[in-house]
C-alpha atoms as a PDB file:
ATOM      1  CA  MET A   1     -38.490  37.840 -25.653  1.00  0.00           C
ATOM      2  CA  GLN A   2     -38.371  35.114 -23.030  1.00  0.00           C
ATOM      3  CA  ALA A   3     -39.832  32.621 -25.510  1.00  0.00           C
ATOM      4  CA  TYR A   4     -37.242  33.556 -28.128  1.00  0.00           C
ATOM      5  CA  GLY A   5     -34.455  33.287 -25.581  1.00  0.00           C
ATOM      6  CA  LEU A   6     -35.682  29.870 -24.419  1.00  0.00           C
ATOM      7  CA  PHE A   7     -35.946  28.693 -28.030  1.00  0.00           C
ATOM      8  CA  PHE A   8     -32.388  29.884 -28.697  1.00  0.00           C
ATOM      9  CA  LEU A   9     -30.979  28.041 -25.671  1.00  0.00           C
ATOM     10  CA  VAL A  10     -32.820  24.819 -26.580  1.00  0.00           C
ATOM     11  CA  ALA A  11     -31.574  25.050 -30.164  1.00  0.00           C
ATOM     12  CA  VAL A  12     -27.991  25.571 -28.993  1.00  0.00           C
ATOM     13  CA  ALA A  13     -28.252  22.596 -26.604  1.00  0.00           C
ATOM     14  CA  ILE A  14     -29.661  20.321 -29.329  1.00  0.00           C
ATOM     15  CA  GLY A  15     -26.974  21.456 -31.741  1.00  0.00           C
ATOM     16  CA  GLY A  16     -24.224  20.777 -29.214  1.00  0.00           C
ATOM     17  CA  VAL A  17     -25.529  17.273 -28.505  1.00  0.00           C
ATOM     18  CA  ALA A  18     -25.763  16.565 -32.242  1.00  0.00           C
ATOM     19  CA  TRP A  19     -22.232  17.870 -32.784  1.00  0.00           C
ATOM     20  CA  VAL A  20     -20.806  15.656 -30.037  1.00  0.00           C
ATOM     21  CA  PHE A  21     -22.645  12.387 -30.725  1.00  0.00           C
ATOM     22  CA  ILE A  22     -23.917  12.458 -34.328  1.00  0.00           C
ATOM     23  CA  TYR A  23     -21.260  14.369 -36.294  1.00  0.00           C
ATOM     24  CA  PRO A  24     -18.397  11.830 -35.649  1.00  0.00           C
ATOM     25  CA  VAL A  25     -20.614   9.051 -37.045  1.00  0.00           C
ATOM     26  CA  LEU A  26     -21.688  10.984 -40.145  1.00  0.00           C
ATOM     27  CA  SER A  27     -18.235  12.347 -40.910  1.00  0.00           C
ATOM     28  CA  GLY A  28     -16.528   8.959 -40.623  1.00  0.00           C
ATOM     29  CA  GLU A  29     -14.103   9.998 -37.870  1.00  0.00           C
ATOM     30  CA  ARG A  30     -14.856   6.948 -35.700  1.00  0.00           C
ATOM     31  CA  ALA A  31     -14.410   4.579 -38.630  1.00  0.00           C
ATOM     32  CA  ALA A  32     -11.095   6.234 -39.458  1.00  0.00           C
ATOM     33  CA  GLU A  33      -9.944   5.926 -35.833  1.00  0.00           C
ATOM     34  CA  ARG A  34     -10.866   2.225 -35.706  1.00  0.00           C
ATOM     35  CA  ARG A  35      -9.023   1.609 -38.980  1.00  0.00           C
ATOM     36  CA  LYS A  36      -5.999   3.524 -37.718  1.00  0.00           C
ATOM     37  CA  ALA A  37      -5.982   1.534 -34.466  1.00  0.00           C
ATOM     38  CA  SER A  38      -6.177  -1.758 -36.358  1.00  0.00           C
ATOM     39  CA  VAL A  39      -3.228  -0.793 -38.575  1.00  0.00           C
ATOM     40  CA  ALA A  40      -1.021   0.761 -35.903  1.00  0.00           C
ATOM     41  CA  ARG A  41       1.328  -1.542 -34.000  1.00  0.00           C
ATOM     42  CA  SER A  42       0.974  -1.412 -30.228  1.00  0.00           C
ATOM     43  CA  GLU A  43       4.389  -2.993 -29.534  1.00  0.00           C
ATOM     44  CA  PRO A  44       7.691  -1.220 -30.176  1.00  0.00           C
ATOM     45  CA  VAL A  45      10.013  -2.597 -32.803  1.00  0.00           C
ATOM     46  CA  SER A  46      12.912  -4.402 -31.154  1.00  0.00           C
ATOM     47  CA  ARG A  47      16.390  -4.889 -32.497  1.00  0.00           C
ATOM     48  CA  PRO A  48      17.313  -8.266 -33.870  1.00  0.00           C
ATOM     49  CA  THR A  49      19.395 -10.272 -31.422  1.00  0.00           C
ATOM     50  CA  ARG A  50      21.729 -13.147 -31.824  1.00  0.00           C
ATOM     51  CA  SER A  51      20.206 -16.574 -32.014  1.00  0.00           C
ATOM     52  CA  SER A  52      22.479 -17.888 -29.247  1.00  0.00           C
ATOM     53  CA  ASN A  53      20.962 -15.525 -26.658  1.00  0.00           C
ATOM     54  CA  ARG A  54      17.402 -16.001 -27.822  1.00  0.00           C
ATOM     55  CA  PRO A  55      16.370 -19.078 -25.723  1.00  0.00           C
ATOM     56  CA  ARG A  56      17.607 -17.622 -22.427  1.00  0.00           C
ATOM     57  CA  ARG A  57      16.026 -14.271 -23.211  1.00  0.00           C
ATOM     58  CA  ASP A  58      12.718 -15.934 -24.045  1.00  0.00           C
ATOM     59  CA  GLN A  59      12.864 -17.858 -20.784  1.00  0.00           C
ATOM     60  CA  ILE A  60      13.534 -14.708 -18.770  1.00  0.00           C
ATOM     61  CA  GLU A  61      10.731 -12.839 -20.530  1.00  0.00           C
ATOM     62  CA  GLY A  62       8.346 -15.719 -19.875  1.00  0.00           C
ATOM     63  CA  THR A  63       9.282 -15.765 -16.193  1.00  0.00           C
ATOM     64  CA  LEU A  64       8.756 -12.008 -15.845  1.00  0.00           C
ATOM     65  CA  LYS A  65       5.392 -12.172 -17.625  1.00  0.00           C
ATOM     66  CA  GLU A  66       4.262 -15.007 -15.362  1.00  0.00           C
ATOM     67  CA  MET A  67       5.275 -13.056 -12.237  1.00  0.00           C
ATOM     68  CA  GLU A  68       3.549  -9.930 -13.518  1.00  0.00           C
ATOM     69  CA  ARG A  69       0.380 -11.912 -14.170  1.00  0.00           C
ATOM     70  CA  ARG A  70       0.490 -13.300 -10.638  1.00  0.00           C
ATOM     71  CA  LEU A  71       0.866  -9.837  -9.139  1.00  0.00           C
ATOM     72  CA  LYS A  72      -2.020  -8.476 -11.196  1.00  0.00           C
ATOM     73  CA  THR A  73      -4.330 -11.331 -10.219  1.00  0.00           C
ATOM     74  CA  THR A  74      -3.438 -11.067  -6.524  1.00  0.00           C
ATOM     75  CA  LYS A  75      -6.397  -9.765  -4.554  1.00  0.00           C
ATOM     76  CA  ARG A  76      -6.453  -8.274  -1.114  1.00  0.00           C
ATOM     77  CA  ALA A  77      -4.889 -10.605   1.404  1.00  0.00           C
ATOM     78  CA  PRO A  78      -7.365 -12.490   3.611  1.00  0.00           C
ATOM     79  CA  LEU A  79      -7.545 -11.833   7.315  1.00  0.00           C
ATOM     80  CA  HIS A  80      -5.310 -14.702   8.441  1.00  0.00           C
ATOM     81  CA  VAL A  81      -2.590 -13.559   6.005  1.00  0.00           C
ATOM     82  CA  ARG A  82      -2.799  -9.986   7.306  1.00  0.00           C
ATOM     83  CA  ILE A  83      -2.506 -11.288  10.863  1.00  0.00           C
ATOM     84  CA  ALA A  84       0.634 -13.206   9.875  1.00  0.00           C
ATOM     85  CA  GLN A  85       2.027 -10.147   8.071  1.00  0.00           C
ATOM     86  CA  ALA A  86       1.606  -8.195  11.306  1.00  0.00           C
ATOM     87  CA  GLY A  87       3.743 -10.778  13.131  1.00  0.00           C
ATOM     88  CA  LEU A  88       0.912 -12.147  15.294  1.00  0.00           C
ATOM     89  CA  ASP A  89       0.083 -15.791  15.843  1.00  0.00           C
ATOM     90  CA  TRP A  90      -3.626 -15.198  16.422  1.00  0.00           C
ATOM     91  CA  SER A  91      -6.375 -17.113  14.725  1.00  0.00           C
ATOM     92  CA  LYS A  92      -9.315 -15.405  13.049  1.00  0.00           C
ATOM     93  CA  GLU A  93     -11.606 -16.492  15.882  1.00  0.00           C
ATOM     94  CA  LYS A  94      -9.306 -14.951  18.491  1.00  0.00           C
ATOM     95  CA  PHE A  95      -9.095 -11.728  16.477  1.00  0.00           C
ATOM     96  CA  PHE A  96     -12.884 -11.397  16.237  1.00  0.00           C
ATOM     97  CA  VAL A  97     -13.296 -12.225  19.933  1.00  0.00           C
ATOM     98  CA  ILE A  98     -10.822  -9.486  20.899  1.00  0.00           C
ATOM     99  CA  ALA A  99     -12.554  -7.028  18.555  1.00  0.00           C
ATOM    100  CA  GLY A 100     -15.965  -7.889  20.028  1.00  0.00           C
ATOM    101  CA  VAL A 101     -14.768  -7.545  23.632  1.00  0.00           C
ATOM    102  CA  LEU A 102     -13.142  -4.192  22.823  1.00  0.00           C
ATOM    103  CA  GLY A 103     -16.310  -2.883  21.180  1.00  0.00           C
ATOM    104  CA  PHE A 104     -18.463  -4.059  24.102  1.00  0.00           C
ATOM    105  CA  VAL A 105     -16.181  -2.428  26.678  1.00  0.00           C
ATOM    106  CA  VAL A 106     -16.211   0.882  24.795  1.00  0.00           C
ATOM    107  CA  PHE A 107     -20.015   0.694  24.484  1.00  0.00           C
ATOM    108  CA  ILE A 108     -20.467   0.095  28.243  1.00  0.00           C
ATOM    109  CA  VAL A 109     -18.055   2.856  29.231  1.00  0.00           C
ATOM    110  CA  THR A 110     -19.609   5.378  26.827  1.00  0.00           C
ATOM    111  CA  PHE A 111     -23.145   4.480  27.853  1.00  0.00           C
ATOM    112  CA  PHE A 112     -22.486   4.843  31.575  1.00  0.00           C
ATOM    113  CA  LEU A 113     -20.774   8.171  30.986  1.00  0.00           C
ATOM    114  CA  GLY A 114     -24.167   9.474  29.864  1.00  0.00           C
ATOM    115  CA  ALA A 115     -23.640   9.690  26.108  1.00  0.00           C
ATOM    116  CA  GLY A 116     -26.910   7.928  25.265  1.00  0.00           C
ATOM    117  CA  LEU A 117     -27.713   4.638  23.557  1.00  0.00           C
ATOM    118  CA  LEU A 118     -27.110   5.579  19.924  1.00  0.00           C
ATOM    119  CA  PRO A 119     -23.786   7.395  20.509  1.00  0.00           C
ATOM    120  CA  ALA A 120     -22.635   4.506  22.702  1.00  0.00           C
ATOM    121  CA  LEU A 121     -23.504   2.024  19.948  1.00  0.00           C
ATOM    122  CA  ALA A 122     -21.659   4.155  17.403  1.00  0.00           C
ATOM    123  CA  PHE A 123     -18.539   4.383  19.584  1.00  0.00           C
ATOM    124  CA  GLY A 124     -18.651   0.664  20.356  1.00  0.00           C
ATOM    125  CA  PHE A 125     -19.025  -0.273  16.678  1.00  0.00           C
ATOM    126  CA  ALA A 126     -16.203   2.059  15.687  1.00  0.00           C
ATOM    127  CA  ALA A 127     -13.911   0.675  18.381  1.00  0.00           C
ATOM    128  CA  GLY A 128     -14.693  -2.980  17.628  1.00  0.00           C
ATOM    129  CA  GLY A 129     -14.545  -2.618  13.846  1.00  0.00           C
ATOM    130  CA  GLY A 130     -11.828   0.004  13.484  1.00  0.00           C
ATOM    131  CA  ILE A 131      -9.189  -0.226  16.204  1.00  0.00           C
ATOM    132  CA  PRO A 132      -8.230  -3.932  15.640  1.00  0.00           C
ATOM    133  CA  PHE A 133      -7.786  -3.441  11.880  1.00  0.00           C
ATOM    134  CA  TRP A 134      -5.855  -0.215  12.469  1.00  0.00           C
ATOM    135  CA  LEU A 135      -3.625  -2.129  14.894  1.00  0.00           C
ATOM    136  CA  LEU A 136      -3.010  -4.798  12.238  1.00  0.00           C
ATOM    137  CA  SER A 137      -2.021  -2.131   9.724  1.00  0.00           C
ATOM    138  CA  PHE A 138       0.270  -0.410  12.236  1.00  0.00           C
ATOM    139  CA  LEU A 139       2.038  -3.654  13.229  1.00  0.00           C
ATOM    140  CA  LYS A 140       2.371  -4.670   9.576  1.00  0.00           C
ATOM    141  CA  LYS A 141       4.031  -1.373   8.612  1.00  0.00           C
ATOM    142  CA  ARG A 142       6.352  -1.531  11.619  1.00  0.00           C
ATOM    143  CA  ARG A 143       7.359  -5.097  10.769  1.00  0.00           C
ATOM    144  CA  GLU A 144       7.967  -4.134   7.126  1.00  0.00           C
ATOM    145  CA  ALA A 145      10.177  -1.244   8.281  1.00  0.00           C
ATOM    146  CA  ARG A 146      12.288  -3.621  10.392  1.00  0.00           C
ATOM    147  CA  PHE A 147      12.527  -6.032   7.464  1.00  0.00           C
ATOM    148  CA  LEU A 148      13.682  -3.316   5.065  1.00  0.00           C
ATOM    149  CA  ASN A 149      16.218  -2.039   7.577  1.00  0.00           C
ATOM    150  CA  ASN A 150      18.055  -5.396   7.747  1.00  0.00           C
ATOM    151  CA  PHE A 151      17.290  -6.854   4.317  1.00  0.00           C
ATOM    152  CA  PRO A 152      20.288  -5.327   2.415  1.00  0.00           C
ATOM    153  CA  ASP A 153      22.671  -6.813   5.011  1.00  0.00           C
ATOM    154  CA  ALA A 154      21.040 -10.218   4.551  1.00  0.00           C
ATOM    155  CA  VAL A 155      21.476 -10.006   0.775  1.00  0.00           C
ATOM    156  CA  ASP A 156      25.149  -9.062   1.295  1.00  0.00           C
ATOM    157  CA  VAL A 157      25.659 -12.126   3.498  1.00  0.00           C
ATOM    158  CA  ILE A 158      24.093 -14.359   0.843  1.00  0.00           C
ATOM    159  CA  THR A 159      26.303 -12.774  -1.839  1.00  0.00           C
ATOM    160  CA  ARG A 160      29.486 -13.330   0.177  1.00  0.00           C
ATOM    161  CA  GLY A 161      28.451 -16.911   0.902  1.00  0.00           C
ATOM    162  CA  ILE A 162      27.926 -17.647  -2.796  1.00  0.00           C
ATOM    163  CA  LYS A 163      31.282 -16.066  -3.669  1.00  0.00           C
ATOM    164  CA  ALA A 164      32.908 -18.273  -1.005  1.00  0.00           C
ATOM    165  CA  GLY A 165      31.502 -21.390  -2.681  1.00  0.00           C
ATOM    166  CA  LEU A 166      28.399 -22.082  -0.584  1.00  0.00           C
ATOM    167  CA  PRO A 167      25.176 -23.122  -2.315  1.00  0.00           C
ATOM    168  CA  LEU A 168      22.322 -20.647  -2.306  1.00  0.00           C
ATOM    169  CA  LEU A 169      20.216 -22.761   0.038  1.00  0.00           C
ATOM    170  CA  ASP A 170      23.001 -23.004   2.618  1.00  0.00           C
ATOM    171  CA  SER A 171      23.428 -19.231   2.523  1.00  0.00           C
ATOM    172  CA  ILE A 172      19.705 -18.779   3.080  1.00  0.00           C
ATOM    173  CA  LYS A 173      19.850 -21.255   5.991  1.00  0.00           C
ATOM    174  CA  MET A 174      22.636 -19.172   7.523  1.00  0.00           C
ATOM    175  CA  ILE A 175      20.397 -16.083   7.331  1.00  0.00           C
ATOM    176  CA  ALA A 176      17.494 -18.080   8.807  1.00  0.00           C
ATOM    177  CA  SER A 177      19.562 -19.059  11.847  1.00  0.00           C
ATOM    178  CA  GLU A 178      21.649 -15.963  12.591  1.00  0.00           C
ATOM    179  CA  SER A 179      19.725 -12.864  11.466  1.00  0.00           C
ATOM    180  CA  GLU A 180      17.363 -10.721  13.495  1.00  0.00           C
ATOM    181  CA  GLU A 181      13.583 -10.742  13.307  1.00  0.00           C
ATOM    182  CA  PRO A 182      11.644 -10.567  11.040  1.00  0.00           C
ATOM    183  CA  ILE A 183      14.402 -11.557   8.553  1.00  0.00           C
ATOM    184  CA  ARG A 184      14.985 -14.791  10.454  1.00  0.00           C
ATOM    185  CA  SER A 185      11.391 -16.003  10.399  1.00  0.00           C
ATOM    186  CA  GLU A 186      10.833 -15.062   6.740  1.00  0.00           C
ATOM    187  CA  PHE A 187      13.941 -16.875   5.492  1.00  0.00           C
ATOM    188  CA  ARG A 188      13.143 -19.806   7.782  1.00  0.00           C
ATOM    189  CA  ALA A 189       9.792 -20.025   6.032  1.00  0.00           C
ATOM    190  CA  ILE A 190      11.653 -20.178   2.690  1.00  0.00           C
ATOM    191  CA  VAL A 191      13.795 -23.060   3.960  1.00  0.00           C
ATOM    192  CA  GLU A 192      10.792 -24.929   5.358  1.00  0.00           C
ATOM    193  CA  THR A 193       8.815 -24.421   2.134  1.00  0.00           C
ATOM    194  CA  GLN A 194      11.711 -25.717   0.058  1.00  0.00           C
ATOM    195  CA  ALA A 195      12.158 -28.710   2.369  1.00  0.00           C
ATOM    196  CA  ILE A 196       8.659 -30.015   1.601  1.00  0.00           C
ATOM    197  CA  GLY A 197       9.402 -30.223  -2.139  1.00  0.00           C
ATOM    198  CA  LEU A 198       8.765 -26.772  -3.592  1.00  0.00           C
ATOM    199  CA  PRO A 199      11.570 -25.439  -5.830  1.00  0.00           C
ATOM    200  CA  LEU A 200      13.743 -22.762  -4.322  1.00  0.00           C
ATOM    201  CA  GLY A 201      12.621 -20.146  -6.837  1.00  0.00           C
ATOM    202  CA  GLU A 202       8.958 -20.777  -6.039  1.00  0.00           C
ATOM    203  CA  ALA A 203       9.738 -20.732  -2.314  1.00  0.00           C
ATOM    204  CA  CYS A 204      11.373 -17.311  -2.693  1.00  0.00           C
ATOM    205  CA  LEU A 205       8.325 -16.064  -4.589  1.00  0.00           C
ATOM    206  CA  LYS A 206       6.250 -16.885  -1.498  1.00  0.00           C
ATOM    207  CA  LEU A 207       8.298 -14.291   0.379  1.00  0.00           C
ATOM    208  CA  TYR A 208       6.419 -11.464  -1.347  1.00  0.00           C
ATOM    209  CA  GLU A 209       3.083 -12.896  -0.188  1.00  0.00           C
ATOM    210  CA  ARG A 210       4.185 -12.794   3.446  1.00  0.00           C
ATOM    211  CA  MET A 211       6.149  -9.532   3.161  1.00  0.00           C
ATOM    212  CA  PRO A 212       4.474  -7.400   0.450  1.00  0.00           C
ATOM    213  CA  VAL A 213       7.270  -4.905  -0.215  1.00  0.00           C
ATOM    214  CA  SER A 214       9.042  -4.180  -3.489  1.00  0.00           C
ATOM    215  CA  GLU A 215      12.458  -5.205  -2.141  1.00  0.00           C
ATOM    216  CA  ALA A 216      11.239  -8.727  -1.339  1.00  0.00           C
ATOM    217  CA  ASN A 217       9.719  -8.941  -4.806  1.00  0.00           C
ATOM    218  CA  PHE A 218      13.061  -7.946  -6.376  1.00  0.00           C
ATOM    219  CA  PHE A 219      14.881 -10.669  -4.468  1.00  0.00           C
ATOM    220  CA  ALA A 220      12.293 -13.293  -5.404  1.00  0.00           C
ATOM    221  CA  ILE A 221      12.463 -12.347  -9.100  1.00  0.00           C
ATOM    222  CA  VAL A 222      16.286 -12.513  -9.138  1.00  0.00           C
ATOM    223  CA  VAL A 223      16.411 -15.943  -7.492  1.00  0.00           C
ATOM    224  CA  SER A 224      13.564 -17.336  -9.602  1.00  0.00           C
ATOM    225  CA  ILE A 225      15.130 -16.188 -12.880  1.00  0.00           C
ATOM    226  CA  GLN A 226      18.512 -17.577 -11.855  1.00  0.00           C
ATOM    227  CA  GLN A 227      16.981 -20.939 -10.966  1.00  0.00           C
ATOM    228  CA  ARG A 228      15.229 -21.148 -14.350  1.00  0.00           C
ATOM    229  CA  ALA A 229      17.656 -19.477 -16.747  1.00  0.00           C
ATOM    230  CA  GLY A 230      21.016 -19.612 -14.939  1.00  0.00           C
ATOM    231  CA  GLY A 231      23.578 -16.836 -14.713  1.00  0.00           C
ATOM    232  CA  ASN A 232      26.031 -15.283 -12.290  1.00  0.00           C
ATOM    233  CA  LEU A 233      23.948 -15.143  -9.126  1.00  0.00           C
ATOM    234  CA  SER A 234      26.608 -13.500  -6.939  1.00  0.00           C
ATOM    235  CA  GLU A 235      26.984 -10.578  -9.341  1.00  0.00           C
ATOM    236  CA  THR A 236      23.207 -10.209  -9.682  1.00  0.00           C
ATOM    237  CA  LEU A 237      22.684 -10.259  -5.926  1.00  0.00           C
ATOM    238  CA  GLY A 238      25.516  -7.759  -5.478  1.00  0.00           C
ATOM    239  CA  ASN A 239      23.785  -5.388  -7.888  1.00  0.00           C
ATOM    240  CA  LEU A 240      20.512  -5.986  -6.053  1.00  0.00           C
ATOM    241  CA  SER A 241      22.183  -5.154  -2.726  1.00  0.00           C
ATOM    242  CA  ARG A 242      23.408  -1.839  -4.134  1.00  0.00           C
ATOM    243  CA  VAL A 243      19.939  -1.058  -5.469  1.00  0.00           C
ATOM    244  CA  LEU A 244      18.372  -1.849  -2.077  1.00  0.00           C
ATOM    245  CA  ARG A 245      20.830   0.387  -0.259  1.00  0.00           C
ATOM    246  CA  ASP A 246      20.247   3.218  -2.726  1.00  0.00           C
ATOM    247  CA  ARG A 247      16.489   2.871  -2.243  1.00  0.00           C
ATOM    248  CA  LYS A 248      17.009   2.947   1.529  1.00  0.00           C
ATOM    249  CA  LYS A 249      19.090   6.136   1.256  1.00  0.00           C
ATOM    250  CA  MET A 250      16.525   7.750  -1.038  1.00  0.00           C
ATOM    251  CA  LYS A 251      13.697   6.869   1.340  1.00  0.00           C
ATOM    252  CA  ALA A 252      15.589   8.359   4.288  1.00  0.00           C
ATOM    253  CA  LYS A 253      16.295  11.509   2.257  1.00  0.00           C
ATOM    254  CA  ILE A 254      12.619  11.858   1.324  1.00  0.00           C
ATOM    255  CA  GLN A 255      11.590  11.451   4.965  1.00  0.00           C
ATOM    256  CA  ALA A 256      14.113  14.080   6.064  1.00  0.00           C
ATOM    257  CA  MET A 257      12.944  16.555   3.422  1.00  0.00           C
ATOM    258  CA  SER A 258       9.273  16.031   4.301  1.00  0.00           C
ATOM    259  CA  MET A 259       9.668  16.345   8.085  1.00  0.00           C
ATOM    260  CA  GLU A 260       9.209  20.110   7.977  1.00  0.00           C
ATOM    261  CA  ALA A 261       5.909  19.753   6.129  1.00  0.00           C
ATOM    262  CA  LYS A 262       4.800  16.998   8.518  1.00  0.00           C
ATOM    263  CA  ALA A 263       5.612  19.162  11.547  1.00  0.00           C
ATOM    264  CA  SER A 264       3.693  22.114  10.055  1.00  0.00           C
ATOM    265  CA  ALA A 265       0.705  19.880   9.321  1.00  0.00           C
ATOM    266  CA  SER A 266       0.736  18.516  12.892  1.00  0.00           C
ATOM    267  CA  ILE A 267       0.839  22.006  14.376  1.00  0.00           C
ATOM    268  CA  ILE A 268      -1.969  23.257  12.127  1.00  0.00           C
ATOM    269  CA  ALA A 269      -4.115  20.218  12.958  1.00  0.00           C
ATOM    270  CA  ALA A 270      -3.539  20.508  16.713  1.00  0.00           C
ATOM    271  CA  LEU A 271      -3.952  24.288  16.951  1.00  0.00           C
ATOM    272  CA  PRO A 272      -7.818  24.418  16.918  1.00  0.00           C
ATOM    273  CA  ILE A 273      -8.034  21.697  19.568  1.00  0.00           C
ATOM    274  CA  ALA A 274      -5.467  23.466  21.756  1.00  0.00           C
ATOM    275  CA  VAL A 275      -7.219  26.832  21.431  1.00  0.00           C
ATOM    276  CA  MET A 276     -10.589  25.252  22.186  1.00  0.00           C
ATOM    277  CA  THR A 277      -9.180  23.567  25.300  1.00  0.00           C
ATOM    278  CA  LEU A 278      -7.600  26.796  26.570  1.00  0.00           C
ATOM    279  CA  VAL A 279     -10.818  28.761  26.021  1.00  0.00           C
ATOM    280  CA  TRP A 280     -12.801  26.067  27.853  1.00  0.00           C
ATOM    281  CA  LEU A 281     -10.382  26.212  30.802  1.00  0.00           C
ATOM    282  CA  THR A 282     -10.494  29.998  31.039  1.00  0.00           C
ATOM    283  CA  SER A 283     -14.109  30.782  30.006  1.00  0.00           C
ATOM    284  CA  PRO A 284     -16.243  27.604  30.043  1.00  0.00           C
ATOM    285  CA  LYS A 285     -19.545  29.515  29.750  1.00  0.00           C
ATOM    286  CA  TYR A 286     -18.350  31.233  26.604  1.00  0.00           C
ATOM    287  CA  ILE A 287     -17.593  28.028  24.668  1.00  0.00           C
ATOM    288  CA  GLU A 288     -20.268  25.714  26.089  1.00  0.00           C
ATOM    289  CA  LEU A 289     -22.715  27.049  23.496  1.00  0.00           C
ATOM    290  CA  LEU A 290     -20.960  24.886  20.914  1.00  0.00           C
ATOM    291  CA  TRP A 291     -22.318  21.666  22.470  1.00  0.00           C
ATOM    292  CA  THR A 292     -25.405  22.933  24.287  1.00  0.00           C
ATOM    293  CA  ASP A 293     -27.087  25.041  21.595  1.00  0.00           C
ATOM    294  CA  PRO A 294     -28.363  23.270  18.398  1.00  0.00           C
ATOM    295  CA  MET A 295     -26.779  25.877  16.144  1.00  0.00           C
ATOM    296  CA  GLY A 296     -23.490  25.518  18.024  1.00  0.00           C
ATOM    297  CA  GLN A 297     -23.610  21.729  17.633  1.00  0.00           C
ATOM    298  CA  MET A 298     -24.155  22.129  13.891  1.00  0.00           C
ATOM    299  CA  MET A 299     -21.244  24.556  13.656  1.00  0.00           C
ATOM    300  CA  LEU A 300     -19.035  22.212  15.684  1.00  0.00           C
ATOM    301  CA  CYS A 301     -19.864  19.278  13.393  1.00  0.00           C
ATOM    302  CA  GLY A 302     -19.118  21.400  10.330  1.00  0.00           C
ATOM    303  CA  CYS A 303     -15.775  22.469  11.797  1.00  0.00           C
ATOM    304  CA  VAL A 304     -14.851  18.868  12.558  1.00  0.00           C
ATOM    305  CA  VAL A 305     -15.714  17.791   9.003  1.00  0.00           C
ATOM    306  CA  TRP A 306     -13.744  20.592   7.382  1.00  0.00           C
ATOM    307  CA  MET A 307     -10.819  20.055   9.740  1.00  0.00           C
ATOM    308  CA  ALA A 308     -10.768  16.339   8.903  1.00  0.00           C
ATOM    309  CA  ILE A 309     -10.809  17.150   5.185  1.00  0.00           C
ATOM    310  CA  GLY A 310      -7.879  19.528   5.653  1.00  0.00           C
ATOM    311  CA  VAL A 311      -5.901  16.949   7.624  1.00  0.00           C
ATOM    312  CA  PHE A 312      -6.495  14.269   4.969  1.00  0.00           C
ATOM    313  CA  VAL A 313      -5.471  16.654   2.184  1.00  0.00           C
ATOM    314  CA  MET A 314      -2.273  17.647   4.012  1.00  0.00           C
ATOM    315  CA  ARG A 315      -1.489  13.995   4.718  1.00  0.00           C
ATOM    316  CA  LYS A 316      -1.959  13.136   1.056  1.00  0.00           C
ATOM    317  CA  MET A 317       0.336  15.970   0.006  1.00  0.00           C
ATOM    318  CA  ILE A 318       3.217  14.957   2.304  1.00  0.00           C
ATOM    319  CA  ASN A 319       2.831  11.182   2.137  1.00  0.00           C
ATOM    320  CA  PHE A 320       5.268  10.006  -0.543  1.00  0.00           C
ATOM    321  CA  ASP A 321       5.059   6.442  -1.839  1.00  0.00           C
ATOM    322  CA  PHE A 322       8.501   5.111  -2.723  1.00  0.00           C
END
């Protein structure tokens, strides 16, 4: 009976593999799919437009395609760009020196506290290779938040200046001299880049490289298209200002609605640590088995791993990208 059962299972497995891989070739399904894909049109049919609007539309479409191609080919920013995005004036050598000194200090402190050589090396490597990059990410996000908080006001000032008859460059210079940081330094970089010969549209496109947020990309696209194809810039920037303010309101609303979930996640994540600390203060002999006994150490490591997984899952659930 076992032989017959094994033969039946093998026959079913072989039949399933043949059905999945061989039958589509013999039946002609793959050839029909390739023929259907070659006949089908991948682009939607567009309405015919007037010939007078065609050149400007083609120019705008070409500009958008070029910008999209640039964004797709953009790789991760190098270290010196990330340092500048964080608002620091450090060089790469200074950054690595600070990271090395921090890792060495953590290694010495951990080693002399009696943790052993390997744990001290692990803590030193984690501190030297993790804390500086985490600090860069934290400063970058804080600087982007300040930029987004003042950017709609800067666009409004530029719009009012254009409506009053000022050129776009003069309005940008006014923002570069009177606004708060980091708006001031970013628009000053646009003015300095344009002063060395780069067109104003290209100089505005550099803003997204230094401040990689969607709002800066919108502004750069609007100015670049206006410089190449023309149009009513004050009306376009006014619409952009309204869009930026609506995005700011939506982001604040999302943060307010997710605060309850964030508070619950923080309490759930901190509860095991708080209970463990209270038990250690009241009954140290009872809980010391977790780090003195091998089985307790294994259980403690498993709890830390599962707790970290839970924290990451909760963070992913309540972290909304907008």
